[in-house]
Amino acid sequence: MSQPFKLLLVEDDPNLGNLLVEYLRAKGYEADLRTDGQQGRSAYDKGGYDLLILDVMMPQKDGFTLAREIRQKDVSTPIIFVTAKSMKQDTIQGFQSGADDYITKPFGMEELLLRIAAVLRRAKGAEPKSPEPEEYRLGDSSFEPRKQVLRTPQGDRKLTTKESELLRLLCANRNDVLERSVALNAVWGNDSYFNGRSMDVYIAKLRKYLREDPAVEIINVHGKGFRLIAKEG
């Protein structure tokens, strides 16, 4: 199986950083987070990253400076700047520092994912390689994410797009916590109260579909999210 692309995110807001890293991991990437420019440089120096995502305004060392230092020794590793700055001069400075792309906050998760895919495609000549299997085995049940089909002892069920995407995230994080904010941003595009209530309805539907399989359970993790507990069939 091909290895996933490895990304380094350098972002001084730990809440945003953790959210982005969990989202990227759920989408099949290997992702690391550092919270200031100096930490980012140290992580980069250890090598092995396919793409760097750098915030601009950071303590210790700003993103522009970090990018210029990296470009002195490495002209090929793609760099995407993520920043709250939107002035034309800031964009120009970003590209002059060696950026391959530039995305302004606030942004949608899907937009970031598409930009990453486009930059990697130009740099590597291929789409990102996802480690996602064709089928997830869940006790006596199975889930085929590409076909959006859930197979249980009671029969096969064609899932809606949102049901399928939510179950895919749960399967990708099997036995670990899937945070509410990650799931909401990945499936609904934002974590508003209305979408949160909608997601709870979809979780209830998935529980209903799997309720006859004693080896599978979706539990609430108070204040955090959900955990899919399932034995591999």
C-alpha atoms as a PDB file:
ATOM      1  CA  MET A   1       0.000   0.000   0.000  1.00  0.00           C
ATOM      2  CA  SER A   2       1.312   3.457  -0.877  1.00  0.00           C
ATOM      3  CA  GLN A   3       2.313   5.682   1.986  1.00  0.00           C
ATOM      4  CA  PRO A   4       0.229   8.834   2.595  1.00  0.00           C
ATOM      5  CA  PHE A   5       1.770  12.234   2.019  1.00  0.00           C
ATOM      6  CA  LYS A   6       3.337  13.720   5.149  1.00  0.00           C
ATOM      7  CA  LEU A   7       2.420  17.325   5.995  1.00  0.00           C
ATOM      8  CA  LEU A   8       3.858  19.789   8.517  1.00  0.00           C
ATOM      9  CA  LEU A   9       1.471  22.450   9.852  1.00  0.00           C
ATOM     10  CA  VAL A  10       3.029  25.379  11.735  1.00  0.00           C
ATOM     11  CA  GLU A  11       0.196  27.340  13.389  1.00  0.00           C
ATOM     12  CA  ASP A  12       0.372  29.258  16.675  1.00  0.00           C
ATOM     13  CA  ASP A  13      -3.336  28.880  17.482  1.00  0.00           C
ATOM     14  CA  PRO A  14      -3.430  25.405  19.089  1.00  0.00           C
ATOM     15  CA  ASN A  15      -7.212  25.079  18.746  1.00  0.00           C
ATOM     16  CA  LEU A  16      -7.142  25.764  15.004  1.00  0.00           C
ATOM     17  CA  GLY A  17      -3.964  23.750  14.601  1.00  0.00           C
ATOM     18  CA  ASN A  18      -5.351  20.647  16.301  1.00  0.00           C
ATOM     19  CA  LEU A  19      -8.589  20.952  14.344  1.00  0.00           C
ATOM     20  CA  LEU A  20      -6.734  21.136  11.021  1.00  0.00           C
ATOM     21  CA  VAL A  21      -4.372  18.277  11.863  1.00  0.00           C
ATOM     22  CA  GLU A  22      -7.215  15.966  12.909  1.00  0.00           C
ATOM     23  CA  TYR A  23      -9.122  16.861   9.755  1.00  0.00           C
ATOM     24  CA  LEU A  24      -6.107  16.169   7.535  1.00  0.00           C
ATOM     25  CA  ARG A  25      -5.480  12.841   9.265  1.00  0.00           C
ATOM     26  CA  ALA A  26      -9.128  11.903   8.779  1.00  0.00           C
ATOM     27  CA  LYS A  27      -8.655  12.652   5.081  1.00  0.00           C
ATOM     28  CA  GLY A  28      -5.764  10.226   4.784  1.00  0.00           C
ATOM     29  CA  TYR A  29      -2.722  12.436   5.301  1.00  0.00           C
ATOM     30  CA  GLU A  30       0.014  12.035   7.871  1.00  0.00           C
ATOM     31  CA  ALA A  31       0.176  15.422   9.623  1.00  0.00           C
ATOM     32  CA  ASP A  32       2.265  17.004  12.392  1.00  0.00           C
ATOM     33  CA  LEU A  33       1.632  20.277  14.256  1.00  0.00           C
ATOM     34  CA  ARG A  34       4.143  22.812  15.585  1.00  0.00           C
ATOM     35  CA  THR A  35       3.067  26.045  17.271  1.00  0.00           C
ATOM     36  CA  ASP A  36       5.859  28.522  16.519  1.00  0.00           C
ATOM     37  CA  GLY A  37       8.362  29.216  13.777  1.00  0.00           C
ATOM     38  CA  GLN A  38      11.360  27.839  15.624  1.00  0.00           C
ATOM     39  CA  GLN A  39       9.590  24.549  16.377  1.00  0.00           C
ATOM     40  CA  GLY A  40       8.579  24.452  12.723  1.00  0.00           C
ATOM     41  CA  ARG A  41      12.176  24.868  11.579  1.00  0.00           C
ATOM     42  CA  SER A  42      13.364  22.102  13.927  1.00  0.00           C
ATOM     43  CA  ALA A  43      10.667  19.730  12.655  1.00  0.00           C
ATOM     44  CA  TYR A  44      11.483  20.562   9.037  1.00  0.00           C
ATOM     45  CA  ASP A  45      15.202  19.947   9.610  1.00  0.00           C
ATOM     46  CA  LYS A  46      14.428  16.378  10.632  1.00  0.00           C
ATOM     47  CA  GLY A  47      13.153  15.900   7.091  1.00  0.00           C
ATOM     48  CA  GLY A  48      10.559  13.737   5.431  1.00  0.00           C
ATOM     49  CA  TYR A  49       7.756  16.235   4.733  1.00  0.00           C
ATOM     50  CA  ASP A  50       5.999  16.400   1.377  1.00  0.00           C
ATOM     51  CA  LEU A  51       4.334  19.773   2.016  1.00  0.00           C
ATOM     52  CA  LEU A  52       4.537  22.606   4.571  1.00  0.00           C
ATOM     53  CA  ILE A  53       1.574  24.705   5.730  1.00  0.00           C
ATOM     54  CA  LEU A  54       2.805  27.842   7.484  1.00  0.00           C
ATOM     55  CA  ASP A  55       0.949  30.508   9.414  1.00  0.00           C
ATOM     56  CA  VAL A  56       2.400  33.989   8.851  1.00  0.00           C
ATOM     57  CA  MET A  57       2.080  35.676  12.254  1.00  0.00           C
ATOM     58  CA  MET A  58       3.850  33.409  14.761  1.00  0.00           C
ATOM     59  CA  PRO A  59       6.087  33.814  17.814  1.00  0.00           C
ATOM     60  CA  GLN A  60       9.832  33.083  17.665  1.00  0.00           C
ATOM     61  CA  LYS A  61       9.889  33.270  13.884  1.00  0.00           C
ATOM     62  CA  ASP A  62       7.198  34.408  11.430  1.00  0.00           C
ATOM     63  CA  GLY A  63       6.143  32.330   8.465  1.00  0.00           C
ATOM     64  CA  PHE A  64       7.791  34.546   5.843  1.00  0.00           C
ATOM     65  CA  THR A  65      11.153  34.267   7.602  1.00  0.00           C
ATOM     66  CA  LEU A  66      10.789  30.520   8.052  1.00  0.00           C
ATOM     67  CA  ALA A  67       9.946  30.061   4.371  1.00  0.00           C
ATOM     68  CA  ARG A  68      12.943  32.144   3.244  1.00  0.00           C
ATOM     69  CA  GLU A  69      15.282  30.103   5.459  1.00  0.00           C
ATOM     70  CA  ILE A  70      13.901  26.849   4.066  1.00  0.00           C
ATOM     71  CA  ARG A  71      14.159  28.068   0.479  1.00  0.00           C
ATOM     72  CA  GLN A  72      17.875  28.790   0.945  1.00  0.00           C
ATOM     73  CA  LYS A  73      18.462  25.031   1.112  1.00  0.00           C
ATOM     74  CA  ASP A  74      15.300  23.547  -0.395  1.00  0.00           C
ATOM     75  CA  VAL A  75      13.548  24.895  -3.482  1.00  0.00           C
ATOM     76  CA  SER A  76      11.281  21.921  -4.099  1.00  0.00           C
ATOM     77  CA  THR A  77       9.195  21.175  -0.964  1.00  0.00           C
ATOM     78  CA  PRO A  78       5.815  22.906  -1.524  1.00  0.00           C
ATOM     79  CA  ILE A  79       4.749  25.632   0.908  1.00  0.00           C
ATOM     80  CA  ILE A  80       1.236  26.961   1.518  1.00  0.00           C
ATOM     81  CA  PHE A  81       0.754  30.052   3.669  1.00  0.00           C
ATOM     82  CA  VAL A  82      -2.319  30.241   5.919  1.00  0.00           C
ATOM     83  CA  THR A  83      -2.909  33.739   7.252  1.00  0.00           C
ATOM     84  CA  ALA A  84      -5.447  36.323   8.380  1.00  0.00           C
ATOM     85  CA  LYS A  85      -3.729  38.909   6.203  1.00  0.00           C
ATOM     86  CA  SER A  86      -5.465  39.668   2.921  1.00  0.00           C
ATOM     87  CA  MET A  87      -3.698  42.753   1.570  1.00  0.00           C
ATOM     88  CA  LYS A  88      -2.170  42.422  -1.889  1.00  0.00           C
ATOM     89  CA  GLN A  89       1.296  43.310  -0.591  1.00  0.00           C
ATOM     90  CA  ASP A  90       1.143  40.476   1.954  1.00  0.00           C
ATOM     91  CA  THR A  91       0.259  38.036  -0.810  1.00  0.00           C
ATOM     92  CA  ILE A  92       3.155  39.279  -2.918  1.00  0.00           C
ATOM     93  CA  GLN A  93       5.525  38.965   0.047  1.00  0.00           C
ATOM     94  CA  GLY A  94       4.317  35.425   0.609  1.00  0.00           C
ATOM     95  CA  PHE A  95       5.134  34.360  -2.936  1.00  0.00           C
ATOM     96  CA  GLN A  96       8.442  36.213  -2.814  1.00  0.00           C
ATOM     97  CA  SER A  97       9.266  34.182   0.302  1.00  0.00           C
ATOM     98  CA  GLY A  98       8.839  30.990  -1.694  1.00  0.00           C
ATOM     99  CA  ALA A  99       5.183  30.055  -1.300  1.00  0.00           C
ATOM    100  CA  ASP A 100       3.426  27.803  -3.795  1.00  0.00           C
ATOM    101  CA  ASP A 101      -0.024  28.908  -2.641  1.00  0.00           C
ATOM    102  CA  TYR A 102      -1.686  31.264  -0.176  1.00  0.00           C
ATOM    103  CA  ILE A 103      -5.015  30.863   1.651  1.00  0.00           C
ATOM    104  CA  THR A 104      -6.657  33.561   3.763  1.00  0.00           C
ATOM    105  CA  LYS A 105      -8.554  32.972   7.012  1.00  0.00           C
ATOM    106  CA  PRO A 106     -11.363  32.243   7.461  1.00  0.00           C
ATOM    107  CA  PHE A 107     -11.474  29.419   4.948  1.00  0.00           C
ATOM    108  CA  GLY A 108     -13.421  26.210   4.441  1.00  0.00           C
ATOM    109  CA  MET A 109     -11.815  22.856   5.176  1.00  0.00           C
ATOM    110  CA  GLU A 110     -12.691  21.647   1.691  1.00  0.00           C
ATOM    111  CA  GLU A 111     -10.925  24.631   0.123  1.00  0.00           C
ATOM    112  CA  LEU A 112      -7.746  23.863   2.055  1.00  0.00           C
ATOM    113  CA  LEU A 113      -7.973  20.200   1.043  1.00  0.00           C
ATOM    114  CA  LEU A 114      -8.348  21.121  -2.631  1.00  0.00           C
ATOM    115  CA  ARG A 115      -5.417  23.519  -2.495  1.00  0.00           C
ATOM    116  CA  ILE A 116      -3.215  20.885  -0.867  1.00  0.00           C
ATOM    117  CA  ALA A 117      -4.193  18.360  -3.544  1.00  0.00           C
ATOM    118  CA  ALA A 118      -3.492  20.863  -6.343  1.00  0.00           C
ATOM    119  CA  VAL A 119      -0.076  21.855  -4.971  1.00  0.00           C
ATOM    120  CA  LEU A 120       0.942  18.226  -4.430  1.00  0.00           C
ATOM    121  CA  ARG A 121      -0.263  17.331  -7.906  1.00  0.00           C
ATOM    122  CA  ARG A 122       1.956  20.016  -9.426  1.00  0.00           C
ATOM    123  CA  ALA A 123       4.915  19.116  -7.210  1.00  0.00           C
ATOM    124  CA  LYS A 124       4.662  15.322  -7.221  1.00  0.00           C
ATOM    125  CA  GLY A 125       2.850  14.690 -10.461  1.00  0.00           C
ATOM    126  CA  ALA A 126       0.142  12.693  -8.720  1.00  0.00           C
ATOM    127  CA  GLU A 127      -2.882  12.927  -6.511  1.00  0.00           C
ATOM    128  CA  PRO A 128      -2.351  12.382  -2.774  1.00  0.00           C
ATOM    129  CA  LYS A 129      -2.236   8.694  -1.935  1.00  0.00           C
ATOM    130  CA  SER A 130      -4.884   7.708   0.549  1.00  0.00           C
ATOM    131  CA  PRO A 131      -4.486   4.717   2.836  1.00  0.00           C
ATOM    132  CA  GLU A 132      -8.246   4.259   3.024  1.00  0.00           C
ATOM    133  CA  PRO A 133      -9.295   0.640   2.424  1.00  0.00           C
ATOM    134  CA  GLU A 134     -11.985  -0.429  -0.008  1.00  0.00           C
ATOM    135  CA  GLU A 135     -13.877  -1.954   2.916  1.00  0.00           C
ATOM    136  CA  TYR A 136     -13.999  -1.501   6.690  1.00  0.00           C
ATOM    137  CA  ARG A 137     -14.812  -4.652   8.647  1.00  0.00           C
ATOM    138  CA  LEU A 138     -16.978  -3.918  11.693  1.00  0.00           C
ATOM    139  CA  GLY A 139     -17.821  -7.048  13.660  1.00  0.00           C
ATOM    140  CA  ASP A 140     -20.312  -8.972  11.547  1.00  0.00           C
ATOM    141  CA  SER A 141     -20.870  -5.898   9.386  1.00  0.00           C
ATOM    142  CA  SER A 142     -18.846  -4.098   6.741  1.00  0.00           C
ATOM    143  CA  PHE A 143     -18.785  -0.646   5.176  1.00  0.00           C
ATOM    144  CA  GLU A 144     -17.666   0.210   1.636  1.00  0.00           C
ATOM    145  CA  PRO A 145     -17.066   3.996   1.651  1.00  0.00           C
ATOM    146  CA  ARG A 146     -16.680   4.435  -2.111  1.00  0.00           C
ATOM    147  CA  LYS A 147     -19.955   2.637  -2.801  1.00  0.00           C
ATOM    148  CA  GLN A 148     -21.612   4.187   0.289  1.00  0.00           C
ATOM    149  CA  VAL A 149     -22.933   0.752   1.230  1.00  0.00           C
ATOM    150  CA  LEU A 150     -23.273  -0.635   4.757  1.00  0.00           C
ATOM    151  CA  ARG A 151     -23.646  -4.413   4.924  1.00  0.00           C
ATOM    152  CA  THR A 152     -25.095  -5.870   8.131  1.00  0.00           C
ATOM    153  CA  PRO A 153     -26.522  -9.283   9.081  1.00  0.00           C
ATOM    154  CA  GLN A 154     -29.937  -7.754   8.448  1.00  0.00           C
ATOM    155  CA  GLY A 155     -29.074  -6.808   4.865  1.00  0.00           C
ATOM    156  CA  ASP A 156     -27.404  -4.128   2.752  1.00  0.00           C
ATOM    157  CA  ARG A 157     -28.192  -0.438   3.077  1.00  0.00           C
ATOM    158  CA  LYS A 158     -27.273   2.352   0.642  1.00  0.00           C
ATOM    159  CA  LEU A 159     -26.218   5.324   2.770  1.00  0.00           C
ATOM    160  CA  THR A 160     -26.718   8.979   1.992  1.00  0.00           C
ATOM    161  CA  THR A 161     -23.600  11.052   1.330  1.00  0.00           C
ATOM    162  CA  LYS A 162     -23.595  12.569   4.828  1.00  0.00           C
ATOM    163  CA  GLU A 163     -24.261   9.203   6.502  1.00  0.00           C
ATOM    164  CA  SER A 164     -21.416   7.675   4.535  1.00  0.00           C
ATOM    165  CA  GLU A 165     -18.947  10.490   5.215  1.00  0.00           C
ATOM    166  CA  LEU A 166     -19.727  10.477   8.935  1.00  0.00           C
ATOM    167  CA  LEU A 167     -19.336   6.693   9.167  1.00  0.00           C
ATOM    168  CA  ARG A 168     -16.101   6.915   7.182  1.00  0.00           C
ATOM    169  CA  LEU A 169     -14.675   9.367   9.729  1.00  0.00           C
ATOM    170  CA  LEU A 170     -15.749   7.111  12.588  1.00  0.00           C
ATOM    171  CA  CYS A 171     -14.139   4.103  10.902  1.00  0.00           C
ATOM    172  CA  ALA A 172     -10.923   6.026  10.192  1.00  0.00           C
ATOM    173  CA  ASN A 173     -10.783   6.858  13.915  1.00  0.00           C
ATOM    174  CA  ARG A 174     -11.935   3.431  15.104  1.00  0.00           C
ATOM    175  CA  ASN A 175     -11.623   3.080  18.904  1.00  0.00           C
ATOM    176  CA  ASP A 176     -10.351   6.694  19.137  1.00  0.00           C
ATOM    177  CA  VAL A 177     -12.341   9.865  19.761  1.00  0.00           C
ATOM    178  CA  LEU A 178     -13.725  11.646  16.707  1.00  0.00           C
ATOM    179  CA  GLU A 179     -14.117  15.225  17.878  1.00  0.00           C
ATOM    180  CA  ARG A 180     -17.436  16.935  17.148  1.00  0.00           C
ATOM    181  CA  SER A 181     -15.774  19.985  15.600  1.00  0.00           C
ATOM    182  CA  VAL A 182     -13.710  17.850  13.225  1.00  0.00           C
ATOM    183  CA  ALA A 183     -16.746  15.885  12.043  1.00  0.00           C
ATOM    184  CA  LEU A 184     -18.897  18.998  11.678  1.00  0.00           C
ATOM    185  CA  ASN A 185     -16.313  20.869   9.623  1.00  0.00           C
ATOM    186  CA  ALA A 186     -15.534  17.828   7.494  1.00  0.00           C
ATOM    187  CA  VAL A 187     -19.121  16.822   6.706  1.00  0.00           C
ATOM    188  CA  TRP A 188     -21.199  20.005   7.105  1.00  0.00           C
ATOM    189  CA  GLY A 189     -18.599  22.711   6.491  1.00  0.00           C
ATOM    190  CA  ASN A 190     -18.918  24.455   9.870  1.00  0.00           C
ATOM    191  CA  ASP A 191     -19.668  23.660  13.498  1.00  0.00           C
ATOM    192  CA  SER A 192     -22.786  25.756  14.028  1.00  0.00           C
ATOM    193  CA  TYR A 193     -25.429  24.778  16.588  1.00  0.00           C
ATOM    194  CA  PHE A 194     -27.902  23.890  13.834  1.00  0.00           C
ATOM    195  CA  ASN A 195     -25.438  21.554  12.121  1.00  0.00           C
ATOM    196  CA  GLY A 196     -24.522  20.054  15.483  1.00  0.00           C
ATOM    197  CA  ARG A 197     -28.136  19.069  16.060  1.00  0.00           C
ATOM    198  CA  SER A 198     -28.294  17.648  12.542  1.00  0.00           C
ATOM    199  CA  MET A 199     -25.179  15.550  13.154  1.00  0.00           C
ATOM    200  CA  ASP A 200     -26.719  14.092  16.317  1.00  0.00           C
ATOM    201  CA  VAL A 201     -29.626  12.900  14.179  1.00  0.00           C
ATOM    202  CA  TYR A 202     -27.230  11.210  11.749  1.00  0.00           C
ATOM    203  CA  ILE A 203     -25.341   9.548  14.607  1.00  0.00           C
ATOM    204  CA  ALA A 204     -28.661   8.180  15.862  1.00  0.00           C
ATOM    205  CA  LYS A 205     -29.377   6.806  12.373  1.00  0.00           C
ATOM    206  CA  LEU A 206     -26.030   5.042  12.205  1.00  0.00           C
ATOM    207  CA  ARG A 207     -26.614   3.529  15.647  1.00  0.00           C
ATOM    208  CA  LYS A 208     -29.978   2.258  14.448  1.00  0.00           C
ATOM    209  CA  TYR A 209     -28.446   0.657  11.353  1.00  0.00           C
ATOM    210  CA  LEU A 210     -25.814  -1.130  13.482  1.00  0.00           C
ATOM    211  CA  ARG A 211     -27.871  -1.930  16.575  1.00  0.00           C
ATOM    212  CA  GLU A 212     -28.248  -5.646  15.793  1.00  0.00           C
ATOM    213  CA  ASP A 213     -24.471  -6.150  15.671  1.00  0.00           C
ATOM    214  CA  PRO A 214     -23.231  -6.699  19.274  1.00  0.00           C
ATOM    215  CA  ALA A 215     -19.595  -6.155  18.232  1.00  0.00           C
ATOM    216  CA  VAL A 216     -20.226  -2.574  17.115  1.00  0.00           C
ATOM    217  CA  GLU A 217     -21.118   0.468  19.199  1.00  0.00           C
ATOM    218  CA  ILE A 218     -21.006   4.244  18.704  1.00  0.00           C
ATOM    219  CA  ILE A 219     -20.658   5.942  22.079  1.00  0.00           C
ATOM    220  CA  ASN A 220     -20.755   9.573  23.146  1.00  0.00           C
ATOM    221  CA  VAL A 221     -17.587  10.959  24.739  1.00  0.00           C
ATOM    222  CA  HIS A 222     -18.833  13.784  26.944  1.00  0.00           C
ATOM    223  CA  GLY A 223     -17.573  17.192  25.913  1.00  0.00           C
ATOM    224  CA  LYS A 224     -15.496  15.779  23.053  1.00  0.00           C
ATOM    225  CA  GLY A 225     -17.298  13.750  20.432  1.00  0.00           C
ATOM    226  CA  PHE A 226     -17.886  10.131  19.511  1.00  0.00           C
ATOM    227  CA  ARG A 227     -16.042   6.841  19.517  1.00  0.00           C
ATOM    228  CA  LEU A 228     -16.735   3.886  17.239  1.00  0.00           C
ATOM    229  CA  ILE A 229     -15.967   0.708  19.148  1.00  0.00           C
ATOM    230  CA  ALA A 230     -15.792  -2.204  16.763  1.00  0.00           C
ATOM    231  CA  LYS A 231     -13.972  -5.479  16.402  1.00  0.00           C
ATOM    232  CA  GLU A 232     -12.553  -6.251  13.002  1.00  0.00           C
ATOM    233  CA  GLY A 233     -14.543  -9.037  11.449  1.00  0.00           C
END
